[in-house]
Amino acid sequence: MPETTTIIGAGTMGAGIAQVAARHGWNVRLVDVDAGLVAAAIAGIGRRFDRLVEKGRLGADEAAAATARLTAAAGADAYTDTDLVIEAVVERLEVKNAVFSAALPHLKPGAILATNTSSLSVGAMGDAIGCPERVVGMHFFNPVPLMPLVEIISGERTDADLADRAFAIAEGWGKIVVRANDTPGVI
């Protein structure tokens, strides 16, 4: 059974992460407070896959399958049986904490909570939601489909196995992955 990621935030970063995950065989649930933004993001990703087909960089069947793995989601159903939650929302600690707090009660044991932050403390987010061991940074660079680097950031109490899983996921998505300290600006 393919793995599933829930991406919170359907803006540029969230859509880019969704595109990469779907292209690499993951089922993607895209969540945003603006349902229209989710629909636009999914349509835009489909158009980008079509362009890759036109350029000969992706097969038509692969593009269709990747597009089919993208779904709009909302409420508790967005988090049920997901393996990885990635938040790509505005760079404000209280907003990031709120989306993680909303997701947490619906997650299966072992699901990863990943933040795409580049400037906020991963450890502080984990502490704020009461689960520091489950929160890791997965910092993607814009534009996500083109930029190869992903930084994996562990908070002081992030579970080492969970950070290793996040590292392996990013590698599986074709990224060059490095570990970084939990400091503003990361690397």
C-alpha atoms as a PDB file:
ATOM      1  CA  MET A   1       0.000   0.000   0.000  1.00  0.00           C
ATOM      2  CA  PRO A   2       1.467   3.389  -0.946  1.00  0.00           C
ATOM      3  CA  GLU A   3       2.392   5.735   1.835  1.00  0.00           C
ATOM      4  CA  THR A   4       0.319   8.842   2.497  1.00  0.00           C
ATOM      5  CA  THR A   5       1.321  12.379   3.355  1.00  0.00           C
ATOM      6  CA  THR A   6      -0.928  15.201   4.463  1.00  0.00           C
ATOM      7  CA  ILE A   7       0.398  18.598   3.471  1.00  0.00           C
ATOM      8  CA  ILE A   8      -1.028  21.582   5.295  1.00  0.00           C
ATOM      9  CA  GLY A   9      -0.809  24.722   3.194  1.00  0.00           C
ATOM     10  CA  ALA A  10      -1.560  24.784  -0.530  1.00  0.00           C
ATOM     11  CA  GLY A  11       0.558  27.808  -1.426  1.00  0.00           C
ATOM     12  CA  THR A  12       3.778  27.694  -3.418  1.00  0.00           C
ATOM     13  CA  MET A  13       5.719  25.567  -0.934  1.00  0.00           C
ATOM     14  CA  GLY A  14       2.921  23.163  -0.063  1.00  0.00           C
ATOM     15  CA  ALA A  15       2.030  22.636  -3.725  1.00  0.00           C
ATOM     16  CA  GLY A  16       5.677  22.055  -4.593  1.00  0.00           C
ATOM     17  CA  ILE A  17       6.075  19.471  -1.843  1.00  0.00           C
ATOM     18  CA  ALA A  18       2.815  17.809  -2.943  1.00  0.00           C
ATOM     19  CA  GLN A  19       4.083  17.605  -6.525  1.00  0.00           C
ATOM     20  CA  VAL A  20       7.337  15.924  -5.481  1.00  0.00           C
ATOM     21  CA  ALA A  21       5.605  13.464  -3.146  1.00  0.00           C
ATOM     22  CA  ALA A  22       2.961  12.477  -5.712  1.00  0.00           C
ATOM     23  CA  ARG A  23       5.561  12.032  -8.434  1.00  0.00           C
ATOM     24  CA  HIS A  24       7.443   9.630  -6.167  1.00  0.00           C
ATOM     25  CA  GLY A  25       4.440   7.378  -5.503  1.00  0.00           C
ATOM     26  CA  TRP A  26       2.972   8.872  -2.334  1.00  0.00           C
ATOM     27  CA  ASN A  27      -0.717   9.545  -1.876  1.00  0.00           C
ATOM     28  CA  VAL A  28      -1.058  13.238  -1.061  1.00  0.00           C
ATOM     29  CA  ARG A  29      -3.830  14.912   0.896  1.00  0.00           C
ATOM     30  CA  LEU A  30      -3.634  18.669   0.474  1.00  0.00           C
ATOM     31  CA  VAL A  31      -5.207  20.831   3.191  1.00  0.00           C
ATOM     32  CA  ASP A  32      -5.713  24.592   3.413  1.00  0.00           C
ATOM     33  CA  VAL A  33      -8.192  26.936   5.059  1.00  0.00           C
ATOM     34  CA  ASP A  34      -8.969  28.109   1.512  1.00  0.00           C
ATOM     35  CA  ALA A  35     -10.542  25.209  -0.421  1.00  0.00           C
ATOM     36  CA  GLY A  36     -10.185  27.204  -3.640  1.00  0.00           C
ATOM     37  CA  LEU A  37      -6.429  27.370  -3.130  1.00  0.00           C
ATOM     38  CA  VAL A  38      -6.300  23.585  -2.762  1.00  0.00           C
ATOM     39  CA  ALA A  39      -8.236  23.097  -6.011  1.00  0.00           C
ATOM     40  CA  ALA A  40      -5.982  25.591  -7.797  1.00  0.00           C
ATOM     41  CA  ALA A  41      -2.853  23.899  -6.440  1.00  0.00           C
ATOM     42  CA  ILE A  42      -3.967  20.452  -7.606  1.00  0.00           C
ATOM     43  CA  ALA A  43      -4.877  21.807 -11.048  1.00  0.00           C
ATOM     44  CA  GLY A  44      -1.523  23.612 -11.268  1.00  0.00           C
ATOM     45  CA  ILE A  45       0.394  20.474 -10.335  1.00  0.00           C
ATOM     46  CA  GLY A  46      -1.507  18.574 -13.034  1.00  0.00           C
ATOM     47  CA  ARG A  47      -0.494  21.215 -15.595  1.00  0.00           C
ATOM     48  CA  ARG A  48       3.155  20.958 -14.494  1.00  0.00           C
ATOM     49  CA  PHE A  49       3.012  17.179 -14.928  1.00  0.00           C
ATOM     50  CA  ASP A  50       1.535  17.711 -18.413  1.00  0.00           C
ATOM     51  CA  ARG A  51       4.437  20.031 -19.303  1.00  0.00           C
ATOM     52  CA  LEU A  52       6.900  17.389 -18.125  1.00  0.00           C
ATOM     53  CA  VAL A  53       5.193  14.901 -20.444  1.00  0.00           C
ATOM     54  CA  GLU A  54       5.436  17.368 -23.356  1.00  0.00           C
ATOM     55  CA  LYS A  55       9.168  17.774 -22.653  1.00  0.00           C
ATOM     56  CA  GLY A  56       9.688  14.012 -22.528  1.00  0.00           C
ATOM     57  CA  ARG A  57      10.713  14.051 -18.848  1.00  0.00           C
ATOM     58  CA  LEU A  58       7.727  12.077 -17.599  1.00  0.00           C
ATOM     59  CA  GLY A  59       5.577   9.410 -19.199  1.00  0.00           C
ATOM     60  CA  ALA A  60       1.907  10.151 -19.763  1.00  0.00           C
ATOM     61  CA  ASP A  61       0.865   7.182 -17.618  1.00  0.00           C
ATOM     62  CA  GLU A  62       3.203   8.307 -14.811  1.00  0.00           C
ATOM     63  CA  ALA A  63       1.769  11.831 -14.960  1.00  0.00           C
ATOM     64  CA  ALA A  64      -1.802  10.556 -14.836  1.00  0.00           C
ATOM     65  CA  ALA A  65      -0.998   8.262 -11.892  1.00  0.00           C
ATOM     66  CA  ALA A  66       0.790  11.047  -9.988  1.00  0.00           C
ATOM     67  CA  THR A  67      -2.099  13.458 -10.562  1.00  0.00           C
ATOM     68  CA  ALA A  68      -4.562  10.812  -9.364  1.00  0.00           C
ATOM     69  CA  ARG A  69      -2.622  10.543  -6.087  1.00  0.00           C
ATOM     70  CA  LEU A  70      -3.474  14.181  -5.230  1.00  0.00           C
ATOM     71  CA  THR A  71      -6.645  14.830  -3.244  1.00  0.00           C
ATOM     72  CA  ALA A  72      -8.182  17.751  -1.426  1.00  0.00           C
ATOM     73  CA  ALA A  73      -8.831  17.027   2.239  1.00  0.00           C
ATOM     74  CA  ALA A  74     -10.346  18.697   5.284  1.00  0.00           C
ATOM     75  CA  GLY A  75     -11.147  17.916   8.895  1.00  0.00           C
ATOM     76  CA  ALA A  76     -10.164  14.775  10.767  1.00  0.00           C
ATOM     77  CA  ASP A  77     -10.238  12.673   7.587  1.00  0.00           C
ATOM     78  CA  ALA A  78      -7.178  14.556   6.336  1.00  0.00           C
ATOM     79  CA  TYR A  79      -5.080  12.969   9.087  1.00  0.00           C
ATOM     80  CA  THR A  80      -6.494   9.467   9.455  1.00  0.00           C
ATOM     81  CA  ASP A  81      -3.906   6.853   8.482  1.00  0.00           C
ATOM     82  CA  THR A  82      -1.394   9.405   7.226  1.00  0.00           C
ATOM     83  CA  ASP A  83       2.275   8.530   7.613  1.00  0.00           C
ATOM     84  CA  LEU A  84       3.651  12.055   7.416  1.00  0.00           C
ATOM     85  CA  VAL A  85       2.171  15.496   8.041  1.00  0.00           C
ATOM     86  CA  ILE A  86       4.120  18.407   6.568  1.00  0.00           C
ATOM     87  CA  GLU A  87       3.056  21.913   7.445  1.00  0.00           C
ATOM     88  CA  ALA A  88       3.914  24.622   4.922  1.00  0.00           C
ATOM     89  CA  VAL A  89       1.940  27.512   6.380  1.00  0.00           C
ATOM     90  CA  VAL A  90       2.865  31.096   7.222  1.00  0.00           C
ATOM     91  CA  GLU A  91       6.097  31.478   9.197  1.00  0.00           C
ATOM     92  CA  ARG A  92       4.427  32.257  12.528  1.00  0.00           C
ATOM     93  CA  LEU A  93       4.962  29.953  15.481  1.00  0.00           C
ATOM     94  CA  GLU A  94       1.394  30.254  16.794  1.00  0.00           C
ATOM     95  CA  VAL A  95      -0.057  29.277  13.395  1.00  0.00           C
ATOM     96  CA  LYS A  96       2.262  26.298  12.980  1.00  0.00           C
ATOM     97  CA  ASN A  97       1.514  25.144  16.530  1.00  0.00           C
ATOM     98  CA  ALA A  98      -2.225  25.469  15.886  1.00  0.00           C
ATOM     99  CA  VAL A  99      -2.152  23.282  12.749  1.00  0.00           C
ATOM    100  CA  PHE A 100      -0.055  20.629  14.496  1.00  0.00           C
ATOM    101  CA  SER A 101      -2.336  20.699  17.551  1.00  0.00           C
ATOM    102  CA  ALA A 102      -5.383  20.220  15.310  1.00  0.00           C
ATOM    103  CA  ALA A 103      -3.775  17.267  13.508  1.00  0.00           C
ATOM    104  CA  LEU A 104      -2.281  15.483  16.517  1.00  0.00           C
ATOM    105  CA  PRO A 105      -5.422  13.846  17.991  1.00  0.00           C
ATOM    106  CA  HIS A 106      -6.227  12.201  14.653  1.00  0.00           C
ATOM    107  CA  LEU A 107      -2.806  10.724  13.871  1.00  0.00           C
ATOM    108  CA  LYS A 108      -1.863   7.096  14.118  1.00  0.00           C
ATOM    109  CA  PRO A 109       1.061   6.213  16.372  1.00  0.00           C
ATOM    110  CA  GLY A 110       4.343   6.774  14.605  1.00  0.00           C
ATOM    111  CA  ALA A 111       3.087   9.379  12.146  1.00  0.00           C
ATOM    112  CA  ILE A 112       5.667  12.113  11.625  1.00  0.00           C
ATOM    113  CA  LEU A 113       4.891  15.797  12.177  1.00  0.00           C
ATOM    114  CA  ALA A 114       7.261  17.792   9.939  1.00  0.00           C
ATOM    115  CA  THR A 115       7.608  21.534   9.688  1.00  0.00           C
ATOM    116  CA  ASN A 116       8.949  23.310   6.623  1.00  0.00           C
ATOM    117  CA  THR A 117      10.191  26.201   8.756  1.00  0.00           C
ATOM    118  CA  SER A 118      13.471  27.909   7.971  1.00  0.00           C
ATOM    119  CA  SER A 119      13.580  30.220  10.958  1.00  0.00           C
ATOM    120  CA  LEU A 120      11.566  28.861  13.887  1.00  0.00           C
ATOM    121  CA  SER A 121      12.637  26.334  16.508  1.00  0.00           C
ATOM    122  CA  VAL A 122      11.578  22.762  15.803  1.00  0.00           C
ATOM    123  CA  GLY A 123      12.054  21.975  19.501  1.00  0.00           C
ATOM    124  CA  ALA A 124       9.814  24.870  20.544  1.00  0.00           C
ATOM    125  CA  MET A 125       7.061  23.585  18.243  1.00  0.00           C
ATOM    126  CA  GLY A 126       7.308  20.094  19.694  1.00  0.00           C
ATOM    127  CA  ASP A 127       7.264  21.433  23.245  1.00  0.00           C
ATOM    128  CA  ALA A 128       4.267  23.677  22.509  1.00  0.00           C
ATOM    129  CA  ILE A 129       2.131  20.752  21.316  1.00  0.00           C
ATOM    130  CA  GLY A 130       3.353  18.405  24.050  1.00  0.00           C
ATOM    131  CA  CYS A 131       5.023  15.910  21.701  1.00  0.00           C
ATOM    132  CA  PRO A 132       8.600  17.056  21.098  1.00  0.00           C
ATOM    133  CA  GLU A 133       9.669  13.555  20.093  1.00  0.00           C
ATOM    134  CA  ARG A 134       7.279  13.560  17.082  1.00  0.00           C
ATOM    135  CA  VAL A 135       8.277  16.868  15.489  1.00  0.00           C
ATOM    136  CA  VAL A 136      11.072  17.215  12.937  1.00  0.00           C
ATOM    137  CA  GLY A 137      12.026  19.885  10.452  1.00  0.00           C
ATOM    138  CA  MET A 138      11.920  19.052   6.736  1.00  0.00           C
ATOM    139  CA  HIS A 139      13.038  22.306   5.174  1.00  0.00           C
ATOM    140  CA  PHE A 140      12.497  22.316   1.414  1.00  0.00           C
ATOM    141  CA  PHE A 141      13.736  25.105  -0.842  1.00  0.00           C
ATOM    142  CA  ASN A 142      11.690  27.005  -3.415  1.00  0.00           C
ATOM    143  CA  PRO A 143      10.856  25.946  -6.076  1.00  0.00           C
ATOM    144  CA  VAL A 144      10.589  22.530  -4.445  1.00  0.00           C
ATOM    145  CA  PRO A 145      10.431  20.438  -7.662  1.00  0.00           C
ATOM    146  CA  LEU A 146      13.673  22.018  -8.917  1.00  0.00           C
ATOM    147  CA  MET A 147      15.744  22.649  -5.794  1.00  0.00           C
ATOM    148  CA  PRO A 148      17.480  19.425  -4.715  1.00  0.00           C
ATOM    149  CA  LEU A 149      18.291  20.209  -1.071  1.00  0.00           C
ATOM    150  CA  VAL A 150      16.203  19.287   1.979  1.00  0.00           C
ATOM    151  CA  GLU A 151      17.411  20.002   5.508  1.00  0.00           C
ATOM    152  CA  ILE A 152      16.346  17.618   8.263  1.00  0.00           C
ATOM    153  CA  ILE A 153      16.271  19.449  11.589  1.00  0.00           C
ATOM    154  CA  SER A 154      15.930  17.659  14.904  1.00  0.00           C
ATOM    155  CA  GLY A 155      14.813  19.450  18.010  1.00  0.00           C
ATOM    156  CA  GLU A 156      16.583  18.630  21.261  1.00  0.00           C
ATOM    157  CA  ARG A 157      14.011  15.894  22.001  1.00  0.00           C
ATOM    158  CA  THR A 158      13.094  14.742  18.467  1.00  0.00           C
ATOM    159  CA  ASP A 159      13.134  10.954  18.309  1.00  0.00           C
ATOM    160  CA  ALA A 160      16.277   9.915  16.396  1.00  0.00           C
ATOM    161  CA  ASP A 161      14.459   7.098  14.532  1.00  0.00           C
ATOM    162  CA  LEU A 162      11.755   9.546  13.437  1.00  0.00           C
ATOM    163  CA  ALA A 163      14.407  11.960  12.098  1.00  0.00           C
ATOM    164  CA  ASP A 164      16.027   9.046  10.261  1.00  0.00           C
ATOM    165  CA  ARG A 165      12.668   8.164   8.693  1.00  0.00           C
ATOM    166  CA  ALA A 166      12.182  11.779   7.552  1.00  0.00           C
ATOM    167  CA  PHE A 167      15.683  11.706   6.057  1.00  0.00           C
ATOM    168  CA  ALA A 168      14.916   8.473   4.185  1.00  0.00           C
ATOM    169  CA  ILE A 169      11.598   9.844   2.903  1.00  0.00           C
ATOM    170  CA  ALA A 170      13.271  12.956   1.473  1.00  0.00           C
ATOM    171  CA  GLU A 171      15.941  10.779  -0.164  1.00  0.00           C
ATOM    172  CA  GLY A 172      13.193   8.589  -1.612  1.00  0.00           C
ATOM    173  CA  TRP A 173      11.700  11.729  -3.134  1.00  0.00           C
ATOM    174  CA  GLY A 174      14.955  12.263  -5.013  1.00  0.00           C
ATOM    175  CA  LYS A 175      16.341  14.998  -2.768  1.00  0.00           C
ATOM    176  CA  ILE A 176      19.850  15.646  -1.513  1.00  0.00           C
ATOM    177  CA  VAL A 177      19.363  15.512   2.237  1.00  0.00           C
ATOM    178  CA  VAL A 178      21.488  17.019   4.993  1.00  0.00           C
ATOM    179  CA  ARG A 179      21.089  17.238   8.734  1.00  0.00           C
ATOM    180  CA  ALA A 180      20.999  20.676  10.286  1.00  0.00           C
ATOM    181  CA  ASN A 181      20.976  22.164  13.766  1.00  0.00           C
ATOM    182  CA  ASP A 182      17.809  23.624  15.242  1.00  0.00           C
ATOM    183  CA  THR A 183      18.862  27.264  14.794  1.00  0.00           C
ATOM    184  CA  PRO A 184      17.306  30.209  12.924  1.00  0.00           C
ATOM    185  CA  GLY A 185      18.206  30.135   9.263  1.00  0.00           C
ATOM    186  CA  VAL A 186      19.260  26.490   9.666  1.00  0.00           C
ATOM    187  CA  ILE A 187      22.232  25.956   7.279  1.00  0.00           C
END
